[in-house]
Amino acid sequence: MNEKEILMSALKFHGHKCWASVVGVRAGLAALRVLDVPRSGGTQLYAIIETGEEHGGMCFGDGVQYSTGCTFGKGNLRKDPLGKLALTLIEKDSNRAVRISYKPTLSAQISDSTFMKKRAAGIMANEIPEDEQMELVNLVWDAPEEDVIAIGEIFEYDGEWLPEVMGFIPCDSCGEMTAKAYLRVVGTKHMCIPCSGYDR
């Protein structure tokens, strides 16, 4: 797939077309390019996004997931809730990392768009006409990279990677299948966290 096809597939995955998911795709693609690594089909890469919750730019995360292959489902993506559209992508074998962040250069144009005015009025993004969605997509996609994202220097990530624990077994109390790493020992029984009484 070329980059435009990746973008359009990411927007389909996301469910609507918006500026923040486009920024996420651009950030993810730039991080892959800078680290000179392919999209993560397994867990070779690890992504940290700084979006947090309950704000209008969280769509950034889906753009990052789709473009980098780092996903919540594979466990190689996490959120640090700082309210920023920023990504740190790490190649786990070498611990080489790069941080990419959104630049405010286009913010006034984004805020003044019909799409954002309708969003501010409470209209759901997927209920806004597609041509108005695409206006912002094209604005962010077609802008020069230096107007959309800031690319940091490659650095060494200071972290250790835990090995993946394989396998599920039934909880001795409720019988539901539970990943081995999440079982807790209570007396002679192996229980899931809710049954065990532990917080975590």
Protein backbone atom coordinates (compact mmCIF):
# COMPACT_ATOMS: atom_id res chain seq x y z
CA MET A 1 0.00 0.00 0.00
CA ASN A 2 1.18 3.52 -0.70
CA GLU A 3 0.87 6.19 2.00
CA LYS A 4 -2.43 7.61 0.71
CA GLU A 5 -3.94 4.11 0.71
CA ILE A 6 -2.72 3.64 4.28
CA LEU A 7 -4.40 6.93 5.21
CA MET A 8 -7.73 6.02 3.63
CA SER A 9 -7.69 2.54 5.19
CA ALA A 10 -6.89 4.09 8.58
CA LEU A 11 -9.84 6.48 8.25
CA LYS A 12 -12.13 3.59 7.35
CA PHE A 13 -10.88 1.69 10.40
CA HIS A 14 -11.43 4.80 12.54
CA GLY A 15 -15.05 5.23 11.44
CA HIS A 16 -14.98 8.85 10.28
CA LYS A 17 -12.60 11.24 8.58
CA CYS A 18 -11.00 13.83 10.86
CA TRP A 19 -7.85 15.88 11.22
CA ALA A 20 -6.50 14.21 14.39
CA SER A 21 -6.50 10.71 12.93
CA VAL A 22 -4.65 12.10 9.89
CA VAL A 23 -2.04 13.60 12.24
CA GLY A 24 -1.73 10.17 13.87
CA VAL A 25 -1.11 8.51 10.51
CA ARG A 26 1.48 11.13 9.56
CA ALA A 27 3.21 10.81 12.95
CA GLY A 28 3.29 7.00 12.70
CA LEU A 29 4.62 6.98 9.15
CA ALA A 30 7.28 9.55 10.03
CA ALA A 31 8.39 7.52 13.07
CA LEU A 32 8.73 4.37 10.96
CA ARG A 33 10.76 6.31 8.40
CA VAL A 34 13.08 7.91 10.97
CA LEU A 35 13.75 4.61 12.74
CA ASP A 36 13.99 2.85 9.36
CA VAL A 37 11.72 0.01 10.50
CA PRO A 38 8.70 -1.69 8.91
CA ARG A 39 5.19 -1.61 10.33
CA SER A 40 4.89 -3.91 13.35
CA GLY A 41 3.19 -7.16 12.37
CA GLY A 42 3.98 -8.63 15.78
CA THR A 43 5.35 -6.82 18.80
CA GLN A 44 8.70 -5.71 17.37
CA LEU A 45 7.74 -2.07 17.98
CA TYR A 46 6.17 -0.37 20.98
CA ALA A 47 4.23 2.90 20.86
CA ILE A 48 3.41 5.35 23.63
CA ILE A 49 0.77 7.94 22.81
CA GLU A 50 0.13 10.92 25.07
CA THR A 51 -3.53 11.63 24.28
CA GLY A 52 -5.32 10.70 27.49
CA GLU A 53 -9.14 10.73 27.52
CA GLU A 54 -12.15 13.03 27.01
CA HIS A 55 -10.82 15.50 24.47
CA GLY A 56 -11.34 16.11 20.78
CA GLY A 57 -7.97 14.85 19.55
CA MET A 58 -8.07 11.27 20.79
CA CYS A 59 -8.63 10.14 17.20
CA PHE A 60 -4.85 10.57 16.86
CA GLY A 61 -4.48 7.17 18.55
CA ASP A 62 -6.28 5.26 15.80
CA GLY A 63 -4.07 6.88 13.16
CA VAL A 64 -1.01 5.77 15.11
CA GLN A 65 -2.35 2.25 15.59
CA TYR A 66 -3.12 1.75 11.93
CA SER A 67 0.06 3.25 10.52
CA THR A 68 2.55 1.65 12.94
CA GLY A 69 0.86 -1.69 13.59
CA CYS A 70 1.18 -1.04 17.34
CA THR A 71 -2.22 -1.84 18.81
CA PHE A 72 -3.98 -2.21 22.14
CA GLY A 73 -4.93 -5.73 21.09
CA LYS A 74 -1.30 -6.79 20.66
CA GLY A 75 -0.32 -4.99 23.87
CA ASN A 76 2.38 -2.91 22.18
CA LEU A 77 0.66 0.43 22.57
CA ARG A 78 -0.11 2.37 25.73
CA LYS A 79 -1.45 5.78 26.68
CA ASP A 80 0.33 8.26 28.90
CA PRO A 81 -2.55 10.66 29.68
CA LEU A 82 -0.93 14.05 29.05
CA GLY A 83 -3.53 15.48 26.66
CA LYS A 84 -1.01 15.82 23.82
CA LEU A 85 -1.00 14.56 20.26
CA ALA A 86 2.39 12.94 20.58
CA LEU A 87 3.87 9.53 19.88
CA THR A 88 7.04 7.82 21.02
CA LEU A 89 7.85 4.82 18.85
CA ILE A 90 10.42 2.32 20.11
CA GLU A 91 12.19 -0.51 18.29
CA LYS A 92 12.33 -3.09 21.07
CA ASP A 93 15.42 -5.03 19.92
CA SER A 94 17.64 -1.95 19.98
CA ASN A 95 15.62 0.39 22.28
CA ARG A 96 16.05 3.11 19.64
CA ALA A 97 13.15 5.53 19.91
CA VAL A 98 11.81 8.74 18.42
CA ARG A 99 9.16 11.17 19.67
CA ILE A 100 6.84 12.89 17.19
CA SER A 101 4.44 15.67 18.26
CA TYR A 102 1.72 17.75 16.63
CA LYS A 103 2.57 21.34 15.76
CA PRO A 104 -0.05 24.12 16.06
CA THR A 105 0.67 25.63 12.63
CA LEU A 106 -2.73 24.62 11.17
CA SER A 107 -4.77 25.09 14.36
CA ALA A 108 -6.56 28.28 13.27
CA GLN A 109 -7.59 26.74 9.94
CA ILE A 110 -8.76 23.58 11.69
CA SER A 111 -10.79 25.56 14.27
CA ASP A 112 -12.40 27.70 11.56
CA SER A 113 -13.49 24.70 9.45
CA THR A 114 -17.13 23.78 8.98
CA PHE A 115 -16.36 20.34 10.38
CA MET A 116 -15.05 21.69 13.70
CA LYS A 117 -17.89 24.22 14.02
CA LYS A 118 -20.38 21.39 13.63
CA ARG A 119 -18.45 19.24 16.13
CA ALA A 120 -18.54 22.16 18.60
CA ALA A 121 -22.32 22.30 18.10
CA GLY A 122 -22.57 18.66 19.19
CA ILE A 123 -22.92 16.99 15.79
CA MET A 124 -21.23 13.59 15.69
CA ALA A 125 -18.27 13.40 13.33
CA ASN A 126 -19.74 10.58 11.25
CA GLU A 127 -22.95 12.63 10.74
CA ILE A 128 -21.08 15.51 9.09
CA PRO A 129 -21.14 15.39 5.25
CA GLU A 130 -18.14 13.58 3.81
CA ASP A 131 -16.98 16.56 1.76
CA GLU A 132 -16.69 18.58 4.98
CA GLN A 133 -14.79 15.73 6.63
CA MET A 134 -12.45 15.50 3.63
CA GLU A 135 -11.76 19.24 3.70
CA LEU A 136 -9.84 18.78 6.95
CA VAL A 137 -8.32 15.47 5.92
CA ASN A 138 -6.85 17.09 2.82
CA LEU A 139 -5.70 20.18 4.74
CA VAL A 140 -3.64 18.08 7.16
CA TRP A 141 -2.55 15.42 4.66
CA ASP A 142 -1.41 17.85 1.95
CA ALA A 143 0.39 20.30 4.27
CA PRO A 144 4.20 20.13 4.42
CA GLU A 145 5.38 17.74 7.14
CA GLU A 146 7.08 20.57 9.06
CA ASP A 147 3.71 22.33 9.36
CA VAL A 148 2.05 19.28 10.94
CA ILE A 149 4.55 17.45 13.13
CA ALA A 150 7.79 17.99 15.01
CA ILE A 151 10.25 15.10 14.76
CA GLY A 152 12.66 14.64 17.64
CA GLU A 153 16.10 13.09 17.57
CA ILE A 154 16.54 9.34 17.85
CA PHE A 155 17.31 8.41 21.45
CA GLU A 156 17.77 5.28 23.55
CA TYR A 157 14.61 4.32 25.42
CA ASP A 158 15.35 3.47 29.05
CA GLY A 159 13.13 0.49 29.66
CA GLU A 160 13.06 -3.28 29.90
CA TRP A 161 10.69 -5.60 28.10
CA LEU A 162 8.95 -8.40 29.96
CA PRO A 163 8.59 -11.70 28.12
CA GLU A 164 5.14 -12.64 26.87
CA VAL A 165 3.41 -15.17 29.13
CA MET A 166 1.46 -17.65 27.03
CA GLY A 167 -1.59 -19.64 28.02
CA PHE A 168 -4.97 -19.45 29.73
CA ILE A 169 -6.43 -21.67 32.43
CA PRO A 170 -9.85 -21.60 34.10
CA CYS A 171 -10.25 -19.73 37.37
CA ASP A 172 -10.80 -22.23 40.21
CA SER A 173 -13.71 -20.11 41.45
CA CYS A 174 -15.76 -18.83 38.49
CA GLY A 175 -14.39 -21.15 35.79
CA GLU A 176 -13.70 -18.36 33.28
CA MET A 177 -10.56 -18.69 31.20
CA THR A 178 -7.88 -16.34 32.56
CA ALA A 179 -4.43 -15.48 31.23
CA LYS A 180 -1.81 -17.12 33.45
CA ALA A 181 -0.15 -13.80 34.30
CA TYR A 182 -3.46 -12.57 35.76
CA LEU A 183 -4.17 -15.50 38.06
CA ARG A 184 -3.73 -14.99 41.80
CA VAL A 185 -3.03 -17.70 44.37
CA VAL A 186 -5.54 -17.90 47.19
CA GLY A 187 -4.76 -20.80 49.49
CA THR A 188 -4.48 -23.75 47.13
CA LYS A 189 -6.59 -22.17 44.36
CA HIS A 190 -5.64 -20.16 41.30
CA MET A 191 -8.22 -17.42 40.82
CA CYS A 192 -8.90 -14.55 38.46
CA ILE A 193 -8.45 -11.09 39.96
CA PRO A 194 -12.17 -10.40 40.65
CA CYS A 195 -12.61 -13.75 42.42
CA SER A 196 -9.34 -13.48 44.34
CA GLY A 197 -10.23 -10.24 46.13
CA TYR A 198 -6.98 -8.60 44.97
CA ASP A 199 -7.11 -5.15 43.38
CA ARG A 200 -4.65 -6.13 40.66
